[in-house]
Amino acid sequence: MSKQIAALELTHISKQFSGTLALQDVNISVFAGEVHALLGANGAGKSTLTKIIGGVYRPSNGAIFLSGESKQFTSPYDAQQAGISVLYQELNLLPELSIAENVFLGNEPQQSGWPVIDWKEMLNQTAELLARIGMTIDPDMKVTSLSVAQQQMIQVVKALHHGARVIVMDEPTARLTDHETRNIFRVIRTLKQQGAAVIFISHRLEEIKQICDRVTI
C-alpha cells in the first residue's frame, strides 16, 4: 500500500531573527480532506510558522513540500500561486467594495475582446463560489454591510477563487458568537469534504475537539 502524500509538509523548519530562535526543528504534515489543529502557548511560534507557510518569512533551515514537491516562497504571492491561503485575524477586505469586487480584486474577468470588466460574469462566478460553502447572499452586496463572520467566509471564498488547496485559519472564531462559530465550522466541514487541507489555529480546546482530526503542538 503506497504512502499518502501530504498536501503540505514542513520538515525541520527553524527560524532565527537577529540571534533570537523563534522556531526550532518543526515538523508538520497536513493531508487533503483534513482539519489539522496547530496549538501552542503565546510566544510558542505559531504566528512565525504561519507566516513561513504563507510566504511572509523564509525559514532559516528546513524544507516545505506541497503534494510532495519542494517549494521555496519569496513572497505571499508565491504561496498564493502555489495554492496556499492564510486567513489572518485581521480581515483583508475592502469594506466599501462589493463581495464580488473583493473576491476578484486584481484579476477581474473582461468582456471578450474589450478591456472592460465583465460584471455579469464576475457576479455569476462569485455566486457559484458562495454556493460552494453554502452561502446564498447577493454577491453585489457591499462588504461593510456584512457581519464579521460573513466577512470571514468571504475570505474563504476569495481563497477558493485563487485555487487554494491549503487554507490556514488563524483564530477564526476569536470574535464570533456561538451561532457564528457553528456557521464557520459548517464551512470548514464543507472545505474538508471538498478535499481542502485546513490548518486551524485556536486556543479553545473544545473547538479543537469538535472540528479537528489531528493536532500538532
C-alpha atoms as a PDB file:
ATOM      1  CA  MET A   1       0.000   0.000   0.000  1.00  0.00           C
ATOM      2  CA  SER A   2       1.512   3.315  -1.058  1.00  0.00           C
ATOM      3  CA  LYS A   3       2.046   6.069   1.491  1.00  0.00           C
ATOM      4  CA  GLN A   4      -0.328   9.027   1.233  1.00  0.00           C
ATOM      5  CA  ILE A   5       1.439  12.215   0.168  1.00  0.00           C
ATOM      6  CA  ALA A   6       0.713  15.223   2.361  1.00  0.00           C
ATOM      7  CA  ALA A   7      -0.924  18.283   0.801  1.00  0.00           C
ATOM      8  CA  LEU A   8       1.546  20.331   2.886  1.00  0.00           C
ATOM      9  CA  GLU A   9       4.623  19.061   4.693  1.00  0.00           C
ATOM     10  CA  LEU A  10       7.154  21.094   6.664  1.00  0.00           C
ATOM     11  CA  THR A  11      10.351  19.331   7.710  1.00  0.00           C
ATOM     12  CA  HIS A  12      12.944  20.535  10.238  1.00  0.00           C
ATOM     13  CA  ILE A  13      11.783  24.159   9.991  1.00  0.00           C
ATOM     14  CA  SER A  14      13.771  26.668  12.054  1.00  0.00           C
ATOM     15  CA  LYS A  15      13.633  30.462  12.044  1.00  0.00           C
ATOM     16  CA  GLN A  16      16.064  32.878  13.648  1.00  0.00           C
ATOM     17  CA  PHE A  17      15.688  36.650  13.987  1.00  0.00           C
ATOM     18  CA  SER A  18      18.854  38.591  14.901  1.00  0.00           C
ATOM     19  CA  GLY A  19      20.070  35.910  17.277  1.00  0.00           C
ATOM     20  CA  THR A  20      16.615  35.014  18.639  1.00  0.00           C
ATOM     21  CA  LEU A  21      15.462  31.486  17.805  1.00  0.00           C
ATOM     22  CA  ALA A  22      11.732  31.699  17.070  1.00  0.00           C
ATOM     23  CA  LEU A  23      11.294  28.152  15.733  1.00  0.00           C
ATOM     24  CA  GLN A  24      13.463  25.086  16.090  1.00  0.00           C
ATOM     25  CA  ASP A  25      13.197  21.870  14.078  1.00  0.00           C
ATOM     26  CA  VAL A  26       9.434  21.962  13.478  1.00  0.00           C
ATOM     27  CA  ASN A  27       7.818  19.103  11.567  1.00  0.00           C
ATOM     28  CA  ILE A  28       4.175  19.075  10.473  1.00  0.00           C
ATOM     29  CA  SER A  29       2.211  17.354   7.714  1.00  0.00           C
ATOM     30  CA  VAL A  30      -1.358  18.121   6.663  1.00  0.00           C
ATOM     31  CA  PHE A  31      -3.385  15.963   4.297  1.00  0.00           C
ATOM     32  CA  ALA A  32      -6.139  16.737   1.813  1.00  0.00           C
ATOM     33  CA  GLY A  33      -9.555  16.438   3.435  1.00  0.00           C
ATOM     34  CA  GLU A  34      -8.147  17.013   6.911  1.00  0.00           C
ATOM     35  CA  VAL A  35      -8.622  19.716   9.541  1.00  0.00           C
ATOM     36  CA  HIS A  36      -5.348  19.921  11.453  1.00  0.00           C
ATOM     37  CA  ALA A  37      -5.042  21.906  14.689  1.00  0.00           C
ATOM     38  CA  LEU A  38      -1.932  23.957  15.436  1.00  0.00           C
ATOM     39  CA  LEU A  39      -1.632  24.541  19.170  1.00  0.00           C
ATOM     40  CA  GLY A  40       0.837  26.291  21.430  1.00  0.00           C
ATOM     41  CA  ALA A  41       1.101  28.888  24.155  1.00  0.00           C
ATOM     42  CA  ASN A  42       1.545  32.562  23.311  1.00  0.00           C
ATOM     43  CA  GLY A  43       5.102  33.026  22.068  1.00  0.00           C
ATOM     44  CA  ALA A  44       5.467  29.389  21.001  1.00  0.00           C
ATOM     45  CA  GLY A  45       5.973  30.386  17.355  1.00  0.00           C
ATOM     46  CA  LYS A  46       2.565  29.713  15.794  1.00  0.00           C
ATOM     47  CA  SER A  47       2.479  33.100  14.069  1.00  0.00           C
ATOM     48  CA  THR A  48       6.024  32.701  12.780  1.00  0.00           C
ATOM     49  CA  LEU A  49       5.211  29.262  11.388  1.00  0.00           C
ATOM     50  CA  THR A  50       2.025  30.610   9.796  1.00  0.00           C
ATOM     51  CA  LYS A  51       3.989  33.374   8.085  1.00  0.00           C
ATOM     52  CA  ILE A  52       6.515  30.847   6.779  1.00  0.00           C
ATOM     53  CA  ILE A  53       3.673  28.775   5.317  1.00  0.00           C
ATOM     54  CA  GLY A  54       2.171  31.946   3.800  1.00  0.00           C
ATOM     55  CA  GLY A  55       5.424  33.176   2.262  1.00  0.00           C
ATOM     56  CA  VAL A  56       5.880  36.218   4.533  1.00  0.00           C
ATOM     57  CA  TYR A  57       9.067  34.760   6.046  1.00  0.00           C
ATOM     58  CA  ARG A  58      11.612  32.364   4.622  1.00  0.00           C
ATOM     59  CA  PRO A  59      12.793  29.639   7.007  1.00  0.00           C
ATOM     60  CA  SER A  60      16.396  29.756   8.237  1.00  0.00           C
ATOM     61  CA  ASN A  61      16.518  25.966   7.868  1.00  0.00           C
ATOM     62  CA  GLY A  62      14.212  23.216   6.711  1.00  0.00           C
ATOM     63  CA  ALA A  63      12.038  22.455   3.709  1.00  0.00           C
ATOM     64  CA  ILE A  64       8.469  22.958   2.500  1.00  0.00           C
ATOM     65  CA  PHE A  65       6.693  20.409   0.302  1.00  0.00           C
ATOM     66  CA  LEU A  66       3.356  20.765  -1.485  1.00  0.00           C
ATOM     67  CA  SER A  67       1.929  17.427  -2.651  1.00  0.00           C
ATOM     68  CA  GLY A  68       5.470  16.040  -2.429  1.00  0.00           C
ATOM     69  CA  GLU A  69       7.078  18.830  -4.462  1.00  0.00           C
ATOM     70  CA  SER A  70       9.707  21.034  -2.823  1.00  0.00           C
ATOM     71  CA  LYS A  71       8.767  24.730  -2.694  1.00  0.00           C
ATOM     72  CA  GLN A  72      10.531  27.956  -1.783  1.00  0.00           C
ATOM     73  CA  PHE A  73       8.379  31.043  -1.319  1.00  0.00           C
ATOM     74  CA  THR A  74       9.845  34.538  -1.607  1.00  0.00           C
ATOM     75  CA  SER A  75       6.528  36.348  -1.056  1.00  0.00           C
ATOM     76  CA  PRO A  76       2.881  35.782  -0.083  1.00  0.00           C
ATOM     77  CA  TYR A  77       2.076  35.962  -3.790  1.00  0.00           C
ATOM     78  CA  ASP A  78       4.316  32.934  -4.400  1.00  0.00           C
ATOM     79  CA  ALA A  79       2.491  30.965  -1.713  1.00  0.00           C
ATOM     80  CA  GLN A  80      -0.900  32.002  -3.075  1.00  0.00           C
ATOM     81  CA  GLN A  81       0.051  30.983  -6.604  1.00  0.00           C
ATOM     82  CA  ALA A  82       1.122  27.593  -5.245  1.00  0.00           C
ATOM     83  CA  GLY A  83      -2.294  27.052  -3.665  1.00  0.00           C
ATOM     84  CA  ILE A  84      -1.860  28.302  -0.087  1.00  0.00           C
ATOM     85  CA  SER A  85      -4.145  30.881   1.525  1.00  0.00           C
ATOM     86  CA  VAL A  86      -3.642  32.226   5.029  1.00  0.00           C
ATOM     87  CA  LEU A  87      -6.680  33.856   6.636  1.00  0.00           C
ATOM     88  CA  TYR A  88      -5.360  36.117   9.378  1.00  0.00           C
ATOM     89  CA  GLN A  89      -7.430  37.545  12.236  1.00  0.00           C
ATOM     90  CA  GLU A  90      -7.196  40.967  10.589  1.00  0.00           C
ATOM     91  CA  LEU A  91      -9.720  40.870   7.764  1.00  0.00           C
ATOM     92  CA  ASN A  92      -8.057  41.513   4.422  1.00  0.00           C
ATOM     93  CA  LEU A  93     -11.072  43.010   2.655  1.00  0.00           C
ATOM     94  CA  LEU A  94     -12.039  46.427   1.278  1.00  0.00           C
ATOM     95  CA  PRO A  95     -15.325  47.258   3.043  1.00  0.00           C
ATOM     96  CA  GLU A  96     -16.640  49.798   0.507  1.00  0.00           C
ATOM     97  CA  LEU A  97     -16.378  47.333  -2.373  1.00  0.00           C
ATOM     98  CA  SER A  98     -18.854  44.552  -3.104  1.00  0.00           C
ATOM     99  CA  ILE A  99     -18.314  40.890  -2.268  1.00  0.00           C
ATOM    100  CA  ALA A 100     -17.591  40.133  -5.938  1.00  0.00           C
ATOM    101  CA  GLU A 101     -15.155  43.037  -6.260  1.00  0.00           C
ATOM    102  CA  ASN A 102     -13.244  41.817  -3.208  1.00  0.00           C
ATOM    103  CA  VAL A 103     -13.128  38.237  -4.431  1.00  0.00           C
ATOM    104  CA  PHE A 104     -11.863  39.168  -7.905  1.00  0.00           C
ATOM    105  CA  LEU A 105      -9.754  42.172  -6.936  1.00  0.00           C
ATOM    106  CA  GLY A 106      -6.854  42.470  -9.371  1.00  0.00           C
ATOM    107  CA  ASN A 107      -8.000  39.761 -11.786  1.00  0.00           C
ATOM    108  CA  GLU A 108     -11.497  40.742 -12.832  1.00  0.00           C
ATOM    109  CA  PRO A 109     -12.936  38.899 -15.874  1.00  0.00           C
ATOM    110  CA  GLN A 110     -13.062  41.026 -19.009  1.00  0.00           C
ATOM    111  CA  GLN A 111     -15.546  41.160 -21.825  1.00  0.00           C
ATOM    112  CA  SER A 112     -14.365  39.294 -24.900  1.00  0.00           C
ATOM    113  CA  GLY A 113     -12.096  41.499 -26.989  1.00  0.00           C
ATOM    114  CA  TRP A 114     -12.514  44.536 -24.729  1.00  0.00           C
ATOM    115  CA  PRO A 115     -10.546  45.872 -21.738  1.00  0.00           C
ATOM    116  CA  VAL A 116     -13.827  46.224 -19.834  1.00  0.00           C
ATOM    117  CA  ILE A 117     -14.869  44.302 -16.728  1.00  0.00           C
ATOM    118  CA  ASP A 118     -17.493  41.633 -17.384  1.00  0.00           C
ATOM    119  CA  TRP A 119     -19.662  42.399 -14.348  1.00  0.00           C
ATOM    120  CA  LYS A 120     -22.269  39.740 -15.104  1.00  0.00           C
ATOM    121  CA  GLU A 121     -19.620  37.012 -15.308  1.00  0.00           C
ATOM    122  CA  MET A 122     -17.937  38.235 -12.141  1.00  0.00           C
ATOM    123  CA  LEU A 123     -21.215  38.188 -10.203  1.00  0.00           C
ATOM    124  CA  ASN A 124     -22.133  34.740 -11.556  1.00  0.00           C
ATOM    125  CA  GLN A 125     -18.754  33.248 -10.656  1.00  0.00           C
ATOM    126  CA  THR A 126     -18.896  34.780  -7.183  1.00  0.00           C
ATOM    127  CA  ALA A 127     -22.384  33.351  -6.644  1.00  0.00           C
ATOM    128  CA  GLU A 128     -21.082  29.908  -7.616  1.00  0.00           C
ATOM    129  CA  LEU A 129     -18.189  30.213  -5.156  1.00  0.00           C
ATOM    130  CA  LEU A 130     -20.561  31.342  -2.394  1.00  0.00           C
ATOM    131  CA  ALA A 131     -22.782  28.349  -3.132  1.00  0.00           C
ATOM    132  CA  ARG A 132     -19.784  26.025  -2.668  1.00  0.00           C
ATOM    133  CA  ILE A 133     -19.718  26.926   1.006  1.00  0.00           C
ATOM    134  CA  GLY A 134     -23.493  27.139   1.403  1.00  0.00           C
ATOM    135  CA  MET A 135     -23.933  30.938   1.234  1.00  0.00           C
ATOM    136  CA  THR A 136     -26.813  32.448  -0.724  1.00  0.00           C
ATOM    137  CA  ILE A 137     -26.199  36.177  -0.172  1.00  0.00           C
ATOM    138  CA  ASP A 138     -26.116  38.678  -3.045  1.00  0.00           C
ATOM    139  CA  PRO A 139     -22.536  38.926  -4.434  1.00  0.00           C
ATOM    140  CA  ASP A 140     -23.216  42.600  -5.227  1.00  0.00           C
ATOM    141  CA  MET A 141     -23.623  43.487  -1.524  1.00  0.00           C
ATOM    142  CA  LYS A 142     -21.002  45.777  -0.003  1.00  0.00           C
ATOM    143  CA  VAL A 143     -18.693  44.061   2.452  1.00  0.00           C
ATOM    144  CA  THR A 144     -19.311  46.813   5.012  1.00  0.00           C
ATOM    145  CA  SER A 145     -22.901  45.565   5.402  1.00  0.00           C
ATOM    146  CA  LEU A 146     -21.767  42.052   6.416  1.00  0.00           C
ATOM    147  CA  SER A 147     -21.149  40.662   9.888  1.00  0.00           C
ATOM    148  CA  VAL A 148     -17.606  39.720  10.959  1.00  0.00           C
ATOM    149  CA  ALA A 149     -18.472  36.045  10.496  1.00  0.00           C
ATOM    150  CA  GLN A 150     -19.773  36.666   6.975  1.00  0.00           C
ATOM    151  CA  GLN A 151     -16.650  38.654   6.136  1.00  0.00           C
ATOM    152  CA  GLN A 152     -14.518  35.735   7.267  1.00  0.00           C
ATOM    153  CA  MET A 153     -16.490  33.487   4.943  1.00  0.00           C
ATOM    154  CA  ILE A 154     -15.844  35.937   2.097  1.00  0.00           C
ATOM    155  CA  GLN A 155     -12.125  35.476   2.793  1.00  0.00           C
ATOM    156  CA  VAL A 156     -12.691  31.723   2.384  1.00  0.00           C
ATOM    157  CA  VAL A 157     -14.475  32.374  -0.935  1.00  0.00           C
ATOM    158  CA  LYS A 158     -11.544  34.539  -2.032  1.00  0.00           C
ATOM    159  CA  ALA A 159      -9.170  31.676  -1.168  1.00  0.00           C
ATOM    160  CA  LEU A 160     -11.266  29.250  -3.228  1.00  0.00           C
ATOM    161  CA  HIS A 161     -11.223  31.671  -6.152  1.00  0.00           C
ATOM    162  CA  HIS A 162      -7.419  31.620  -6.028  1.00  0.00           C
ATOM    163  CA  GLY A 163      -7.465  27.815  -6.129  1.00  0.00           C
ATOM    164  CA  ALA A 164      -6.322  27.248  -2.555  1.00  0.00           C
ATOM    165  CA  ARG A 165      -5.568  23.648  -1.671  1.00  0.00           C
ATOM    166  CA  VAL A 166      -4.219  24.519   1.768  1.00  0.00           C
ATOM    167  CA  ILE A 167      -6.110  27.043   3.933  1.00  0.00           C
ATOM    168  CA  VAL A 168      -4.682  28.313   7.215  1.00  0.00           C
ATOM    169  CA  MET A 169      -7.203  29.845   9.622  1.00  0.00           C
ATOM    170  CA  ASP A 170      -5.647  31.931  12.403  1.00  0.00           C
ATOM    171  CA  GLU A 171      -8.039  32.140  15.383  1.00  0.00           C
ATOM    172  CA  PRO A 172     -11.102  32.373  13.100  1.00  0.00           C
ATOM    173  CA  THR A 173     -13.620  32.226  15.975  1.00  0.00           C
ATOM    174  CA  ALA A 174     -11.941  34.757  18.291  1.00  0.00           C
ATOM    175  CA  ARG A 175     -14.566  37.469  17.674  1.00  0.00           C
ATOM    176  CA  LEU A 176     -17.598  35.318  16.916  1.00  0.00           C
ATOM    177  CA  THR A 177     -20.747  34.358  18.794  1.00  0.00           C
ATOM    178  CA  ASP A 178     -21.588  30.685  19.342  1.00  0.00           C
ATOM    179  CA  HIS A 179     -24.035  30.776  16.430  1.00  0.00           C
ATOM    180  CA  GLU A 180     -21.460  32.358  14.108  1.00  0.00           C
ATOM    181  CA  THR A 181     -18.864  29.810  15.232  1.00  0.00           C
ATOM    182  CA  ARG A 182     -21.208  26.976  14.275  1.00  0.00           C
ATOM    183  CA  ASN A 183     -21.548  28.537  10.798  1.00  0.00           C
ATOM    184  CA  ILE A 184     -17.765  28.764  10.425  1.00  0.00           C
ATOM    185  CA  PHE A 185     -17.500  25.108  11.463  1.00  0.00           C
ATOM    186  CA  ARG A 186     -20.070  24.206   8.812  1.00  0.00           C
ATOM    187  CA  VAL A 187     -17.937  25.943   6.193  1.00  0.00           C
ATOM    188  CA  ILE A 188     -14.782  24.199   7.433  1.00  0.00           C
ATOM    189  CA  ARG A 189     -16.505  20.807   7.180  1.00  0.00           C
ATOM    190  CA  THR A 190     -17.586  21.689   3.640  1.00  0.00           C
ATOM    191  CA  LEU A 191     -13.991  22.572   2.723  1.00  0.00           C
ATOM    192  CA  LYS A 192     -12.860  19.263   4.191  1.00  0.00           C
ATOM    193  CA  GLN A 193     -15.433  17.335   2.142  1.00  0.00           C
ATOM    194  CA  GLN A 194     -14.222  19.154  -0.984  1.00  0.00           C
ATOM    195  CA  GLY A 195     -10.668  17.959  -0.349  1.00  0.00           C
ATOM    196  CA  ALA A 196      -9.004  21.052   1.094  1.00  0.00           C
ATOM    197  CA  ALA A 197      -6.319  20.764   3.766  1.00  0.00           C
ATOM    198  CA  VAL A 198      -7.216  23.107   6.626  1.00  0.00           C
ATOM    199  CA  ILE A 199      -4.876  24.251   9.397  1.00  0.00           C
ATOM    200  CA  PHE A 200      -6.931  25.543  12.329  1.00  0.00           C
ATOM    201  CA  ILE A 201      -5.263  27.706  14.993  1.00  0.00           C
ATOM    202  CA  SER A 202      -7.163  28.247  18.237  1.00  0.00           C
ATOM    203  CA  HIS A 203      -6.682  28.468  21.996  1.00  0.00           C
ATOM    204  CA  ARG A 204     -10.131  26.968  22.589  1.00  0.00           C
ATOM    205  CA  LEU A 205      -9.657  23.247  23.243  1.00  0.00           C
ATOM    206  CA  GLU A 206     -13.372  22.494  22.979  1.00  0.00           C
ATOM    207  CA  GLU A 207     -13.310  23.817  19.405  1.00  0.00           C
ATOM    208  CA  ILE A 208     -10.314  21.636  18.595  1.00  0.00           C
ATOM    209  CA  LYS A 209     -12.221  18.557  19.792  1.00  0.00           C
ATOM    210  CA  GLN A 210     -15.246  19.486  17.681  1.00  0.00           C
ATOM    211  CA  ILE A 211     -13.650  20.334  14.350  1.00  0.00           C
ATOM    212  CA  CYS A 212     -10.113  18.909  14.075  1.00  0.00           C
ATOM    213  CA  ASP A 213      -8.856  15.479  13.032  1.00  0.00           C
ATOM    214  CA  ARG A 214      -5.267  15.753  14.292  1.00  0.00           C
ATOM    215  CA  VAL A 215      -3.215  18.117  16.419  1.00  0.00           C
ATOM    216  CA  THR A 216       0.352  19.412  16.288  1.00  0.00           C
ATOM    217  CA  ILE A 217       1.618  21.167  19.408  1.00  0.00           C
END
